Every structure is written in C-alpha cells, then in structure tokens.
N, C-alpha and C. Protein backbone atom coordinates (compact mmCIF):
# COMPACT_ATOMS: atom_id res chain seq x y z
N MET A 1 0.38 -1.06 -0.20
CA MET A 1 0.17 -0.12 0.06
C MET A 1 0.67 0.96 -0.05
N GLY A 2 1.45 1.30 0.47
CA GLY A 2 2.38 2.52 1.09
C GLY A 2 2.08 3.69 1.31
N TYR A 3 0.90 4.33 1.74
CA TYR A 3 -0.17 5.30 1.89
C TYR A 3 -0.23 5.91 2.93
N ARG A 4 -0.03 6.94 3.80
CA ARG A 4 -0.28 7.40 4.90
C ARG A 4 -1.64 8.02 4.56
N ILE A 5 -2.37 7.56 6.20
CA ILE A 5 -4.13 7.76 6.57
C ILE A 5 -3.66 9.09 7.29
N PHE A 6 -4.68 10.12 6.66
CA PHE A 6 -4.19 11.47 8.04
C PHE A 6 -5.43 11.01 8.61
N ASP A 7 -5.75 12.12 9.81
CA ASP A 7 -7.17 11.57 11.14
C ASP A 7 -8.51 11.95 9.86
N SER A 8 -8.44 12.60 9.20
CA SER A 8 -9.41 13.34 8.97
C SER A 8 -10.15 12.21 7.52
N GLU A 9 -9.38 11.63 7.44
CA GLU A 9 -9.21 10.52 5.73
C GLU A 9 -10.09 8.64 6.89
N LEU A 10 -8.94 8.75 8.17
CA LEU A 10 -9.77 7.87 8.37
C LEU A 10 -11.46 7.77 9.25
N LYS A 11 -11.78 9.73 9.78
CA LYS A 11 -13.01 9.36 9.97
C LYS A 11 -13.82 8.92 8.62
N ILE A 12 -13.79 9.29 7.51
CA ILE A 12 -14.57 9.26 6.26
C ILE A 12 -14.34 7.05 6.04
N LEU A 13 -13.17 6.65 6.12
CA LEU A 13 -12.85 5.48 6.51
C LEU A 13 -13.62 5.17 7.28
N GLU A 14 -13.90 5.37 8.49
CA GLU A 14 -14.37 4.64 9.46
C GLU A 14 -16.02 4.99 9.12
N LEU A 15 -16.17 5.28 9.40
CA LEU A 15 -18.26 5.80 7.97
C LEU A 15 -18.78 4.88 7.25
N LEU A 16 -17.27 4.83 6.17
CA LEU A 16 -17.44 3.83 5.46
C LEU A 16 -17.63 2.25 6.33
N TRP A 17 -16.45 1.74 6.77
CA TRP A 17 -16.62 0.47 7.24
C TRP A 17 -17.70 0.25 8.20
N ASP A 18 -18.01 1.19 8.18
CA ASP A 18 -19.13 1.06 9.76
C ASP A 18 -20.83 1.12 9.13
N GLY A 19 -20.90 1.94 8.19
CA GLY A 19 -22.11 2.16 7.30
C GLY A 19 -22.44 1.08 6.18
N GLY A 20 -20.91 0.61 5.53
CA GLY A 20 -20.66 0.47 4.19
C GLY A 20 -20.97 0.98 3.13
N GLU A 21 -21.72 0.64 1.81
CA GLU A 21 -21.80 1.85 0.84
C GLU A 21 -22.07 2.96 0.67
N LEU A 22 -22.23 3.75 1.06
CA LEU A 22 -22.78 5.06 1.26
C LEU A 22 -22.72 6.40 0.33
N THR A 23 -23.70 7.14 0.21
CA THR A 23 -23.31 7.90 -0.82
C THR A 23 -22.86 9.12 -0.01
N ALA A 24 -21.88 10.31 -0.88
CA ALA A 24 -21.21 11.20 0.29
C ALA A 24 -21.89 12.54 0.10
N LYS A 25 -23.75 12.39 0.04
CA LYS A 25 -24.64 13.18 0.68
C LYS A 25 -24.49 12.66 1.97
N GLU A 26 -25.09 11.22 2.24
CA GLU A 26 -25.24 10.28 3.59
C GLU A 26 -23.86 11.26 4.25
N ILE A 27 -22.64 10.73 3.92
CA ILE A 27 -21.25 10.06 4.65
C ILE A 27 -20.87 11.96 5.25
N ALA A 28 -21.90 12.85 4.56
CA ALA A 28 -22.12 14.31 4.98
C ALA A 28 -22.66 14.96 5.87
N ALA A 29 -23.55 13.91 6.32
CA ALA A 29 -24.53 13.93 7.37
C ALA A 29 -24.37 13.43 8.04
N LEU A 30 -23.36 11.61 8.06
CA LEU A 30 -22.93 11.85 9.41
C LEU A 30 -22.14 12.10 9.68
N ALA A 31 -20.84 12.97 8.85
CA ALA A 31 -19.49 13.83 9.73
C ALA A 31 -20.42 14.85 9.66
N ALA A 32 -21.19 15.80 9.48
CA ALA A 32 -21.80 16.43 10.19
C ALA A 32 -22.07 16.35 11.52
N ALA A 33 -22.45 15.02 11.54
CA ALA A 33 -23.12 14.54 13.71
C ALA A 33 -22.51 14.07 14.24
N GLN A 34 -21.11 13.38 13.94
CA GLN A 34 -20.70 13.13 14.27
C GLN A 34 -19.44 13.70 14.90
N VAL A 35 -18.75 14.70 13.93
CA VAL A 35 -17.32 15.22 14.16
C VAL A 35 -17.42 16.67 13.87
N GLY A 36 -18.90 16.91 13.64
CA GLY A 36 -19.06 18.40 13.25
C GLY A 36 -18.68 19.43 11.89
N TRP A 37 -18.51 18.35 11.14
CA TRP A 37 -17.82 19.01 10.26
C TRP A 37 -18.86 19.59 8.95
N SER A 38 -18.50 20.72 8.23
CA SER A 38 -19.85 21.32 7.40
C SER A 38 -19.45 20.20 6.08
N LYS A 39 -20.45 20.35 5.42
CA LYS A 39 -20.99 19.58 3.48
C LYS A 39 -19.14 20.14 2.99
N THR A 40 -18.93 20.84 2.85
CA THR A 40 -17.82 21.06 1.65
C THR A 40 -16.42 20.48 2.77
N THR A 41 -16.08 20.96 3.96
CA THR A 41 -15.23 19.99 4.61
C THR A 41 -15.23 18.36 4.35
N THR A 42 -16.25 18.01 4.40
CA THR A 42 -16.50 16.26 4.51
C THR A 42 -16.18 16.16 2.59
N TYR A 43 -16.98 17.11 1.65
CA TYR A 43 -16.38 16.78 -0.13
C TYR A 43 -15.14 16.80 -0.16
N THR A 44 -14.62 17.25 0.75
CA THR A 44 -12.73 18.11 0.01
C THR A 44 -11.85 17.00 1.02
N VAL A 45 -12.68 16.42 2.22
CA VAL A 45 -11.44 14.83 2.37
C VAL A 45 -12.18 13.09 1.16
N LEU A 46 -13.67 13.59 1.38
CA LEU A 46 -13.33 12.52 0.04
C LEU A 46 -12.72 12.69 -1.24
N LYS A 47 -13.08 13.36 -2.01
CA LYS A 47 -11.87 13.99 -2.89
C LYS A 47 -10.61 13.60 -2.77
N LYS A 48 -9.44 14.24 -2.04
CA LYS A 48 -8.12 13.30 -1.31
C LYS A 48 -8.05 11.99 -0.74
N CYS A 49 -9.53 11.30 -0.37
CA CYS A 49 -9.41 10.19 -0.24
C CYS A 49 -9.30 8.72 -1.41
N VAL A 50 -10.20 9.99 -2.50
CA VAL A 50 -10.42 9.22 -3.74
C VAL A 50 -8.95 8.89 -4.91
N GLU A 51 -8.26 10.63 -4.43
CA GLU A 51 -7.44 10.56 -5.26
C GLU A 51 -5.86 9.57 -4.39
N LYS A 52 -6.62 9.30 -3.37
CA LYS A 52 -5.26 8.31 -2.69
C LYS A 52 -5.32 6.64 -3.71
N GLY A 53 -6.79 6.57 -3.27
CA GLY A 53 -6.73 5.54 -3.63
C GLY A 53 -7.57 4.54 -2.22
N LEU A 54 -8.05 5.52 -1.59
CA LEU A 54 -8.47 4.55 -0.02
C LEU A 54 -10.24 4.39 -0.43
N ILE A 55 -10.79 4.92 -1.20
CA ILE A 55 -12.15 4.81 -1.69
C ILE A 55 -12.35 5.30 -2.90
N ALA A 56 -13.71 4.59 -3.50
CA ALA A 56 -13.78 4.70 -4.52
C ALA A 56 -15.32 5.08 -4.86
N ARG A 57 -15.86 6.48 -6.08
CA ARG A 57 -16.85 6.94 -6.21
C ARG A 57 -17.25 7.07 -6.90
N THR A 58 -18.50 6.29 -7.27
CA THR A 58 -19.46 5.89 -8.88
C THR A 58 -20.27 7.25 -8.75
N GLU A 59 -20.40 6.95 -10.35
CA GLU A 59 -20.54 8.21 -10.95
C GLU A 59 -22.17 7.83 -11.31
N PRO A 60 -22.87 8.71 -11.93
CA PRO A 60 -23.91 10.08 -11.59
C PRO A 60 -24.01 10.02 -9.88
N ASP A 61 -24.25 9.03 -8.78
CA ASP A 61 -24.96 8.89 -7.56
C ASP A 61 -23.70 9.03 -6.56
N PHE A 62 -23.08 9.15 -7.05
CA PHE A 62 -22.08 9.53 -5.68
C PHE A 62 -21.90 8.57 -4.70
N ARG A 63 -21.86 7.43 -4.80
CA ARG A 63 -21.98 6.39 -3.71
C ARG A 63 -20.52 5.88 -3.18
N CYS A 64 -19.69 5.92 -2.93
CA CYS A 64 -18.61 5.27 -2.26
C CYS A 64 -18.32 4.44 -1.55
N THR A 65 -17.50 3.46 -1.88
CA THR A 65 -17.41 2.61 -1.34
C THR A 65 -15.43 1.80 -0.78
N ALA A 66 -15.27 2.14 0.90
CA ALA A 66 -14.02 1.69 1.09
C ALA A 66 -13.29 1.04 0.40
N LEU A 67 -11.86 1.50 -0.54
CA LEU A 67 -11.25 0.40 -1.46
C LEU A 67 -9.97 -0.34 0.02
N VAL A 68 -10.02 -0.10 0.84
CA VAL A 68 -9.31 -0.84 1.64
C VAL A 68 -10.22 -1.39 3.13
N THR A 69 -9.60 -1.95 3.66
CA THR A 69 -10.10 -2.76 5.35
C THR A 69 -9.80 -2.50 6.25
N ARG A 70 -10.10 -2.36 7.46
CA ARG A 70 -9.90 -1.92 8.43
C ARG A 70 -8.96 -2.58 8.48
N GLN A 71 -9.14 -3.59 8.32
CA GLN A 71 -7.17 -4.25 8.61
C GLN A 71 -5.76 -4.00 7.76
N GLN A 72 -6.14 -3.49 6.98
CA GLN A 72 -5.26 -3.03 5.86
C GLN A 72 -5.20 -2.17 6.31
N ALA A 73 -6.19 -1.36 7.00
CA ALA A 73 -5.39 0.22 7.81
C ALA A 73 -4.63 0.18 8.78
N GLN A 74 -4.83 -1.05 9.47
CA GLN A 74 -4.18 -1.32 10.97
C GLN A 74 -3.00 -1.36 10.65
N GLN A 75 -2.89 -2.38 9.43
CA GLN A 75 -1.39 -2.85 9.42
C GLN A 75 -0.08 -2.31 8.55
N GLN A 76 -0.67 -1.34 7.91
CA GLN A 76 0.02 0.09 6.84
C GLN A 76 0.47 1.08 8.43
N GLU A 77 -1.24 1.34 8.63
CA GLU A 77 -0.32 2.23 10.43
C GLU A 77 0.39 1.97 11.32
N THR A 78 0.87 0.69 11.59
CA THR A 78 1.64 -0.03 12.40
C THR A 78 2.96 -0.35 11.71
N ARG A 79 2.68 -1.06 10.42
CA ARG A 79 3.65 -0.85 10.01
C ARG A 79 4.79 0.55 9.60
N ASP A 80 3.75 2.00 9.67
CA ASP A 80 4.95 3.19 9.36
C ASP A 80 5.27 3.38 10.73
N LEU A 81 4.48 3.25 12.02
CA LEU A 81 4.86 3.47 13.30
C LEU A 81 5.98 2.61 13.70
N ILE A 82 6.43 1.27 13.66
CA ILE A 82 6.93 0.62 13.39
C ILE A 82 8.48 1.43 13.04
N ASP A 83 8.38 2.17 11.92
CA ASP A 83 9.15 2.12 11.30
C ASP A 83 9.99 3.66 11.59
N ARG A 84 8.75 4.66 11.98
CA ARG A 84 9.20 5.78 11.56
C ARG A 84 9.54 5.60 13.48
N MET A 85 9.69 5.10 15.03
CA MET A 85 9.38 5.59 15.68
C MET A 85 10.54 4.44 17.02
N TYR A 86 10.62 3.32 16.07
CA TYR A 86 11.06 1.80 16.05
C TYR A 86 12.83 1.60 15.26
N GLY A 87 12.70 2.33 14.61
CA GLY A 87 13.80 1.71 13.47
C GLY A 87 13.22 0.04 12.73
N GLY A 88 12.51 -0.17 12.21
CA GLY A 88 11.65 -0.95 11.10
C GLY A 88 11.19 -2.53 13.02
N ALA A 89 11.59 -2.33 13.94
CA ALA A 89 12.25 -3.11 15.09
C ALA A 89 10.97 -3.75 15.75
N ALA A 90 10.13 -4.16 15.19
CA ALA A 90 8.59 -4.39 16.03
C ALA A 90 8.88 -4.96 17.15
N ASP A 91 10.29 -5.71 17.47
CA ASP A 91 10.43 -5.68 18.97
C ASP A 91 10.75 -5.10 19.93
N ARG A 92 11.09 -3.88 19.18
CA ARG A 92 10.96 -2.28 21.06
C ARG A 92 10.08 -1.69 20.84
N LEU A 93 9.04 -2.27 19.41
CA LEU A 93 7.73 -1.65 19.84
C LEU A 93 6.81 -2.51 21.03
N VAL A 94 7.31 -3.56 20.77
CA VAL A 94 6.49 -4.51 22.23
C VAL A 94 7.50 -4.59 23.37
N ALA A 95 8.38 -4.29 23.45
CA ALA A 95 9.08 -4.41 24.65
C ALA A 95 9.00 -3.11 25.27
N SER A 96 8.53 -1.84 24.77
CA SER A 96 8.06 -0.10 25.06
C SER A 96 6.52 -0.28 25.71
N LEU A 97 5.53 -1.43 24.15
CA LEU A 97 4.60 -1.39 25.03
C LEU A 97 4.45 -2.33 26.11
N LEU A 98 4.81 -2.76 26.93
CA LEU A 98 4.71 -3.96 28.03
C LEU A 98 5.80 -3.43 29.20
N GLU A 99 6.75 -2.79 28.70
CA GLU A 99 7.80 -1.75 29.76
C GLU A 99 7.15 -1.46 30.80
N GLY A 100 7.47 -1.74 32.18
CA GLY A 100 6.79 -1.33 33.38
C GLY A 100 5.12 -2.12 33.64
N LYS A 101 4.81 -2.96 32.56
CA LYS A 101 3.22 -3.44 32.23
C LYS A 101 3.47 -5.25 33.58
N ALA A 102 2.81 -5.37 34.56
CA ALA A 102 2.80 -6.54 34.43
C ALA A 102 1.35 -7.66 33.94
N LEU A 103 2.43 -8.30 33.37
CA LEU A 103 1.29 -9.55 32.58
C LEU A 103 1.11 -10.74 33.46
N SER A 104 -0.53 -11.23 33.15
CA SER A 104 -0.52 -11.45 33.79
C SER A 104 -0.48 -13.69 33.15
N VAL A 105 -0.57 -14.44 34.16
CA VAL A 105 -0.12 -15.64 33.23
C VAL A 105 -0.40 -15.78 31.57
N GLU A 106 -1.92 -15.88 32.04
CA GLU A 106 -2.84 -15.78 30.51
C GLU A 106 -2.19 -14.51 29.50
N GLU A 107 -2.02 -13.91 29.91
CA GLU A 107 -0.96 -12.57 28.74
C GLU A 107 0.24 -13.30 27.88
N ILE A 108 0.65 -14.28 28.71
CA ILE A 108 2.28 -13.92 28.97
C ILE A 108 2.33 -15.35 27.94
N ASP A 109 0.75 -16.58 28.23
CA ASP A 109 0.91 -17.44 26.91
C ASP A 109 0.02 -17.57 26.35
N ARG A 110 -0.52 -16.01 26.17
CA ARG A 110 -0.96 -15.79 24.69
C ARG A 110 0.29 -15.17 23.43
N LEU A 111 1.14 -14.16 24.25
CA LEU A 111 2.77 -13.65 23.53
C LEU A 111 3.52 -15.36 23.33
N ARG A 112 3.37 -15.65 24.28
CA ARG A 112 4.31 -17.41 23.97
C ARG A 112 3.27 -17.73 22.89
N ARG A 113 2.14 -18.21 22.98
CA ARG A 113 1.92 -18.81 21.41
C ARG A 113 1.73 -17.80 19.84
N LEU A 114 1.83 -16.78 19.97
CA LEU A 114 1.94 -16.19 19.02
C LEU A 114 3.71 -15.73 18.26
N VAL A 115 4.39 -16.02 19.28
CA VAL A 115 5.95 -15.93 18.75
C VAL A 115 6.19 -17.14 18.31
N GLU A 116 5.49 -18.52 19.01
CA GLU A 116 5.60 -19.48 18.40
C GLU A 116 4.88 -19.62 16.29
N GLU A 117 3.92 -18.53 17.12
CA GLU A 117 2.64 -19.26 15.35
C GLU A 117 3.26 -18.05 14.29
N LEU A 118 4.43 -17.06 14.89
CA LEU A 118 5.12 -16.27 13.94
C LEU A 118 6.57 -17.23 13.86
N LYS A 119 6.99 -18.13 14.07
CA LYS A 119 8.48 -18.78 14.15
C LYS A 119 8.53 -19.28 12.26
C-alpha cells in the first residue's frame, strides 16, 4: 500500500467501514452529526480519499465504497509506526508497550503462542 492515512481520512473510512456503501451526501450528514464537519470539508476529504485510492466513488450517484479494509489500514499504520519510531524493529515496539506492565499468566501464554506461530 504505502500511503499515510490522515485522521480526517480515517474518519471517512470509519464511516464507510461501519455503514457500508454510502452516498457522499449520507457521509456528509454523518460527518456533520458525529464530527461537526461542514459539507464542504467532508467533500474535500472525500476527494483526497479518492485521489489516494482509499475509496471509490461512482458517478452519477456519488456512492462511496472503501477500497481498503480496517485491517489493511491498521497494518499499514502499524508498519509506519514501527518504521518511524522504532527503526523498523517490531520487538522494540512490543518492549515499549510492555515496559513496566505486569502481565498475567494468560497474557504471557498468549504472547508465547503468538511468537510460536510467527516462527
């Protein structure tokens, strides 16, 4: 994938992930109610999402569909975080998350299973 999803774009994607295929007008109404955006702001962000290939918009009814799944977006953002903050070392991210946190026996077992699955 190789794109950065900005917070505003993520809000649009979340609306589509939660609501399925929606018209631009429906997205604008939801964004106004949930985020307080104007119609112009929503349409500008929609346009950027289309240009990036994050969503598809059909003509003439302006139906919008997410082209990336929530899981794909999470994976991309996690890879970017690991690269940017931890020099590409995923183990350093995990160590940072767990630093100073007492883990239960169940959590340790889940981590062991995960590591074994990744081998």
